[in-house]
Amino acid sequence: MIQVKADSTEESKSIKRAALLVATMASFIGPFMGSSVNVALPSIGDYFSLSAVSLGWINTAYLLSAATFSIPFGRLGDIYGRKKIYMAGVFVFTIASIIVAMSVSGLMLILGRFLQGFGASMIFATGMALLMSIFPASERGKVLGITVASVYFGLSSGPFIGGMITQHLGWRYIFWVNVPLGLILLAVIFLMLKGDWAEERGQKFDLLGSLMLAVSLLVTMYGFSKLPETYAFGLVALGLIGIAGFVFYEMKLESPVVDMSLFISNSAFTFSNLAALINYAATFAVTFLLSLYLQNVKGYQPQEAGTILMAQPVVQAIFSPLAGRLSDRIQPRKVASVGMAFTLLGLVALVFIRIDTPLYLIIGVLMFLGFGFALFSSPNTNAIMSSVERRYYGVASAMTGTMRQIGMMVSMGIVMMIMALILGQGEIKAESLPQFISSMKISLIIFAVMCLGGIFASLARGDIKRVK
């Protein structure tokens, strides 16, 4: 395949439109499924008689896999072609959706979710890189804003549609929906997105380093998810030692899977990724908690709970394109830092939630959080991708995805740990509602403190010198 660069010709405009369409569709599918699953979790728990901690693994398995494999696939995309890896990811994700939809046990469902995460890692690793390869620096904020808006459209429609599907058809159909969407996406990529992009073609792929990183991340994240078990601390320590060994190993190679100079000499790249990690760690599990709260505490049906949860991502979808365009004109760190501050205030408000909290207050806080997320996400991604050269787009895109997945994993890990300590391994029942509320409050306090640190990380990145 040839490498195609964006210029003023009609052909390049067609490629731009195709790339944006592909990125937008893929950006919609993952969040749509994730937010749908959150609403369906109580129904899945009842069907398989799963505890609250086991329900957490339905999300955790997906995040664990996606975080583990994103960076190696980003590097493979740089070398062999980002479109190839992207298409492979969509194919695996679609097959995994079939497996999950046909699950006969909680274990099979969780393993299927792990495979879904494996496919998603290929998509995350190359999606943003494809856009950055095709669109010039002056348009990046705009197109990133559009794709982020599609993410939030998936998040906003997922709870409502997922709740309706769960209530009227059953939770399995949430995963069946991914199959025709995946097939349509593959057809669009194959027929409309001509060419491929591989600025590092001919370079060697660092297989040993990739294995070191994958195993280290897997052990670290798995250990974190099993806290406060005694053995989990040993797994986390072992994984962190492995990550440290990976860093030293990579610094000696001519063609590493991750060029450590990106972190050592590029503060904008480093702190933007750190800010992303903190933001997702402090916010991802909020929807999980509120889904359980609305259905188990307030007694809403899945469709009703999904409709309520739409408040947050609808606001995100409205304001993300505006925030993306704003970050093309104003330094992204300023816009993103304001977004992180709004998020902090929203989390603090949720700390005071009670069993009898009025619904209108919950919806108001969700809308406030949505505005904060919108101001943070697309400007922060713009900052990451604009701070590196073209040849690093795959790794930068993968690093962005990895920070997002690790952040989500940490978020779920914190909630699962708190629930394990307070609720134990039991299901959420009427007599345990006070303990559930306590675990939710403690989790939200931790998230708020993390978000406060995220504001400083966002400000510390400095101004971005955009790389064309």
Foldseek 3Di string as FASTA:
>chain_A
DAADEADDDPLLVLLLVLLLVLLLLLLQLPLLLVLLLLLCLVVVCVVQVFAPLLSLLLLLLLLLLLLLQQLLLLLVCQAPFLLVLQLQLLVQLLVLLVQLLPDPHSVSNSVSSNSNSNSVSSNLLRSLLSNPRYDDLLCQLLSLLSSQLSNLVSNLVNQQVSLVCCVPPNNSVSSVVSNVSSVVSSVSSVPRNDDTHHNNHPDDRDPVLSVLRSQLSSQLLVLLLPPPPPVSVVSNVVSVVSVVVSVVVQPPDPSHSDPCCCCVVQLLQPLLLVLLLLLLLLPQCPSSLQSCLCCALVNDRSNVSSNLLSLQSVLLSVQQSVLSNVCSPDFLLVQQLVLLVLLLVLLVQCLPDDSPDDSVSVSVSSNSNSNSCSSRPSSSLSSNQQQDASSCSSSSSSSSSSSNSNSNSSNSSLLSNLCCVQVNRHHDHPVCVVSSSVSVSVSSVVSSVSSVVSSVSSNVSDGGDGHD
